[in-house]
Structures are given as C-alpha cells and as structure tokens.
Amino acid sequence: MQTNQFKGVMIMLITVLIWGGMFPVAKGALQTLDAFWLSSLRYGIAAPLFVAILCWREGAAALRYRGRFLKAAFYGFVGFSGFSILVFIGLGKSRPEHAAIIMALQTPIAAFVH
C-alpha cells in the first residue's frame, strides 16, 4: 500500500473511532436535553469560534458575501443545524451503535461512489 493511501486509511479509521465514541455520550445527553437545544448549544459555541479563526487566518474579507449572505446563511443553517437535529432525533429513537455505523460508513460510501 502506498504511503499516502495508508495515511488516508489511518485518518479515516481515527475519525470512525472518534465518531463511534460520540454517539453513546449523545444518547445519554438526549435523556435530559432535546435535539434542538443540544444542537443549538453545539453550534452556538462553535460558530463564533470558527468565525474568529476565519477572520484571524484569512482576514475580514473572508466574510464578504457580495449580496448573497441570506442565501449562504439559509444553506448553512439547513445543512449544519438541520442535519444535526435530525441525527439526534434519530439517535433518540435508536441505539448509539446504529448511528455510529451510519456515520462511519458515510466516508467509505462517498469514496466508493466517487
């Protein structure tokens, strides 16, 4: 196996292991928080941090949308928050192992389809 290919496989394996550990923790959190509030907390904290990092690394020009802010905000909200809320709602109705397997297989399936 080539070095780059081996490195890529190892990175995907680490990602799968990290995601696999996330879902049992999230399942426990769903007993006290609902999916909306859990997603709101996650993205409410992460979004400002990532915007700050983006401004620091790329400059304020990276936040210029040239009249397409509402469209970008809509797609970003639906893509991130909608996906997260639906995952946690599904996790609330299933076992953590099922969610971990589905998330872990997304990358290999995308690579296979590509």
C-alpha atoms as a PDB file:
ATOM      1  CA  MET A   1       0.000   0.000   0.000  1.00  0.00           C
ATOM      2  CA  GLN A   2       1.293   3.437  -0.871  1.00  0.00           C
ATOM      3  CA  THR A   3       2.292   5.740   1.976  1.00  0.00           C
ATOM      4  CA  ASN A   4      -0.354   8.386   1.184  1.00  0.00           C
ATOM      5  CA  GLN A   5      -3.067   5.770   0.831  1.00  0.00           C
ATOM      6  CA  PHE A   6      -2.085   4.177   4.144  1.00  0.00           C
ATOM      7  CA  LYS A   7      -2.073   7.598   5.813  1.00  0.00           C
ATOM      8  CA  GLY A   8      -5.554   8.308   4.411  1.00  0.00           C
ATOM      9  CA  VAL A   9      -6.901   4.980   5.652  1.00  0.00           C
ATOM     10  CA  MET A  10      -5.461   5.613   9.112  1.00  0.00           C
ATOM     11  CA  ILE A  11      -7.014   9.088   9.266  1.00  0.00           C
ATOM     12  CA  MET A  12     -10.397   7.642   8.281  1.00  0.00           C
ATOM     13  CA  LEU A  13     -10.030   4.957  10.960  1.00  0.00           C
ATOM     14  CA  ILE A  14      -9.285   7.563  13.629  1.00  0.00           C
ATOM     15  CA  THR A  15     -12.338   9.553  12.501  1.00  0.00           C
ATOM     16  CA  VAL A  16     -14.545   6.473  12.746  1.00  0.00           C
ATOM     17  CA  LEU A  17     -13.279   5.748  16.251  1.00  0.00           C
ATOM     18  CA  ILE A  18     -13.924   9.323  17.377  1.00  0.00           C
ATOM     19  CA  TRP A  19     -17.452   9.350  15.901  1.00  0.00           C
ATOM     20  CA  GLY A  20     -18.161   5.969  17.419  1.00  0.00           C
ATOM     21  CA  GLY A  21     -17.455   7.328  20.890  1.00  0.00           C
ATOM     22  CA  MET A  22     -19.614  10.397  20.361  1.00  0.00           C
ATOM     23  CA  PHE A  23     -22.951   8.632  19.995  1.00  0.00           C
ATOM     24  CA  PRO A  24     -23.153   6.793  23.339  1.00  0.00           C
ATOM     25  CA  VAL A  25     -22.396  10.123  25.029  1.00  0.00           C
ATOM     26  CA  ALA A  26     -25.010  11.904  22.920  1.00  0.00           C
ATOM     27  CA  LYS A  27     -27.577   9.199  23.681  1.00  0.00           C
ATOM     28  CA  GLY A  28     -27.118   9.887  27.395  1.00  0.00           C
ATOM     29  CA  ALA A  29     -27.363  13.638  26.839  1.00  0.00           C
ATOM     30  CA  LEU A  30     -30.655  13.191  24.989  1.00  0.00           C
ATOM     31  CA  GLN A  31     -32.245  11.939  28.211  1.00  0.00           C
ATOM     32  CA  THR A  32     -32.016  15.467  29.646  1.00  0.00           C
ATOM     33  CA  LEU A  33     -31.706  17.689  26.544  1.00  0.00           C
ATOM     34  CA  ASP A  34     -33.752  17.592  23.391  1.00  0.00           C
ATOM     35  CA  ALA A  35     -32.145  17.610  19.936  1.00  0.00           C
ATOM     36  CA  PHE A  36     -32.895  21.280  19.281  1.00  0.00           C
ATOM     37  CA  TRP A  37     -31.179  22.555  22.432  1.00  0.00           C
ATOM     38  CA  LEU A  38     -28.247  20.165  22.081  1.00  0.00           C
ATOM     39  CA  SER A  39     -27.628  21.333  18.501  1.00  0.00           C
ATOM     40  CA  SER A  40     -28.127  24.975  19.485  1.00  0.00           C
ATOM     41  CA  LEU A  41     -25.511  24.688  22.221  1.00  0.00           C
ATOM     42  CA  ARG A  42     -23.028  22.924  19.947  1.00  0.00           C
ATOM     43  CA  TYR A  43     -23.290  25.393  17.082  1.00  0.00           C
ATOM     44  CA  GLY A  44     -23.900  28.446  19.260  1.00  0.00           C
ATOM     45  CA  ILE A  45     -20.478  27.903  20.815  1.00  0.00           C
ATOM     46  CA  ALA A  46     -18.616  26.598  17.761  1.00  0.00           C
ATOM     47  CA  ALA A  47     -19.840  29.104  15.141  1.00  0.00           C
ATOM     48  CA  PRO A  48     -18.404  32.265  16.755  1.00  0.00           C
ATOM     49  CA  LEU A  49     -15.123  30.469  17.401  1.00  0.00           C
ATOM     50  CA  PHE A  50     -14.824  29.377  13.772  1.00  0.00           C
ATOM     51  CA  VAL A  51     -15.723  32.877  12.525  1.00  0.00           C
ATOM     52  CA  ALA A  52     -12.997  34.309  14.765  1.00  0.00           C
ATOM     53  CA  ILE A  53     -10.472  31.763  13.455  1.00  0.00           C
ATOM     54  CA  LEU A  54     -11.514  32.523   9.873  1.00  0.00           C
ATOM     55  CA  CYS A  55     -11.057  36.272  10.399  1.00  0.00           C
ATOM     56  CA  TRP A  56      -7.718  35.707  12.089  1.00  0.00           C
ATOM     57  CA  ARG A  57      -6.371  33.413   9.344  1.00  0.00           C
ATOM     58  CA  GLU A  58      -7.999  34.907   6.223  1.00  0.00           C
ATOM     59  CA  GLY A  59      -8.838  38.474   7.250  1.00  0.00           C
ATOM     60  CA  ALA A  60     -12.179  40.250   7.366  1.00  0.00           C
ATOM     61  CA  ALA A  61     -12.522  39.950   3.577  1.00  0.00           C
ATOM     62  CA  ALA A  62     -13.435  36.280   4.069  1.00  0.00           C
ATOM     63  CA  LEU A  63     -16.780  37.417   5.499  1.00  0.00           C
ATOM     64  CA  ARG A  64     -17.827  39.429   2.428  1.00  0.00           C
ATOM     65  CA  TYR A  65     -20.794  37.734   0.765  1.00  0.00           C
ATOM     66  CA  ARG A  66     -21.342  40.174  -2.127  1.00  0.00           C
ATOM     67  CA  GLY A  67     -25.117  40.254  -1.643  1.00  0.00           C
ATOM     68  CA  ARG A  68     -25.518  36.508  -1.027  1.00  0.00           C
ATOM     69  CA  PHE A  69     -25.495  36.457   2.786  1.00  0.00           C
ATOM     70  CA  LEU A  70     -29.136  35.357   3.197  1.00  0.00           C
ATOM     71  CA  LYS A  71     -28.695  32.515   0.727  1.00  0.00           C
ATOM     72  CA  ALA A  72     -25.448  31.384   2.376  1.00  0.00           C
ATOM     73  CA  ALA A  73     -26.981  31.690   5.858  1.00  0.00           C
ATOM     74  CA  PHE A  74     -30.030  29.646   4.814  1.00  0.00           C
ATOM     75  CA  TYR A  75     -27.988  26.815   3.295  1.00  0.00           C
ATOM     76  CA  GLY A  76     -25.560  26.838   6.198  1.00  0.00           C
ATOM     77  CA  PHE A  77     -28.362  26.701   8.762  1.00  0.00           C
ATOM     78  CA  VAL A  78     -30.197  23.900   6.989  1.00  0.00           C
ATOM     79  CA  GLY A  79     -27.021  21.953   6.249  1.00  0.00           C
ATOM     80  CA  PHE A  80     -25.476  22.045   9.695  1.00  0.00           C
ATOM     81  CA  SER A  81     -28.300  22.535  12.153  1.00  0.00           C
ATOM     82  CA  GLY A  82     -30.910  20.591  10.218  1.00  0.00           C
ATOM     83  CA  PHE A  83     -28.587  17.636   9.808  1.00  0.00           C
ATOM     84  CA  SER A  84     -27.551  17.725  13.457  1.00  0.00           C
ATOM     85  CA  ILE A  85     -31.099  17.955  14.756  1.00  0.00           C
ATOM     86  CA  LEU A  86     -32.233  15.081  12.540  1.00  0.00           C
ATOM     87  CA  VAL A  87     -29.289  12.922  13.636  1.00  0.00           C
ATOM     88  CA  PHE A  88     -30.071  13.490  17.307  1.00  0.00           C
ATOM     89  CA  ILE A  89     -33.787  12.869  16.798  1.00  0.00           C
ATOM     90  CA  GLY A  90     -32.914   9.612  15.049  1.00  0.00           C
ATOM     91  CA  LEU A  91     -30.461   8.723  17.794  1.00  0.00           C
ATOM     92  CA  GLY A  92     -33.213   9.270  20.352  1.00  0.00           C
ATOM     93  CA  LYS A  93     -35.259   6.604  18.606  1.00  0.00           C
ATOM     94  CA  SER A  94     -32.481   4.070  18.000  1.00  0.00           C
ATOM     95  CA  ARG A  95     -29.330   2.675  19.565  1.00  0.00           C
ATOM     96  CA  PRO A  96     -25.987   4.537  19.535  1.00  0.00           C
ATOM     97  CA  GLU A  97     -24.355   1.701  17.592  1.00  0.00           C
ATOM     98  CA  HIS A  98     -26.712   2.268  14.654  1.00  0.00           C
ATOM     99  CA  ALA A  99     -25.871   5.976  14.422  1.00  0.00           C
ATOM    100  CA  ALA A 100     -22.140   5.263  14.738  1.00  0.00           C
ATOM    101  CA  ILE A 101     -22.250   2.705  11.931  1.00  0.00           C
ATOM    102  CA  ILE A 102     -24.211   5.027   9.640  1.00  0.00           C
ATOM    103  CA  MET A 103     -21.834   7.946  10.260  1.00  0.00           C
ATOM    104  CA  ALA A 104     -18.759   5.745   9.947  1.00  0.00           C
ATOM    105  CA  LEU A 105     -19.881   4.377   6.597  1.00  0.00           C
ATOM    106  CA  GLN A 106     -20.587   7.778   5.029  1.00  0.00           C
ATOM    107  CA  THR A 107     -16.959   8.432   4.106  1.00  0.00           C
ATOM    108  CA  PRO A 108     -16.235   4.991   2.598  1.00  0.00           C
ATOM    109  CA  ILE A 109     -19.534   5.031   0.691  1.00  0.00           C
ATOM    110  CA  ALA A 110     -18.761   8.509  -0.689  1.00  0.00           C
ATOM    111  CA  ALA A 111     -15.290   7.325  -1.723  1.00  0.00           C
ATOM    112  CA  PHE A 112     -16.796   4.252  -3.383  1.00  0.00           C
ATOM    113  CA  VAL A 113     -19.399   6.293  -5.275  1.00  0.00           C
ATOM    114  CA  HIS A 114     -16.750   8.791  -6.369  1.00  0.00           C
END
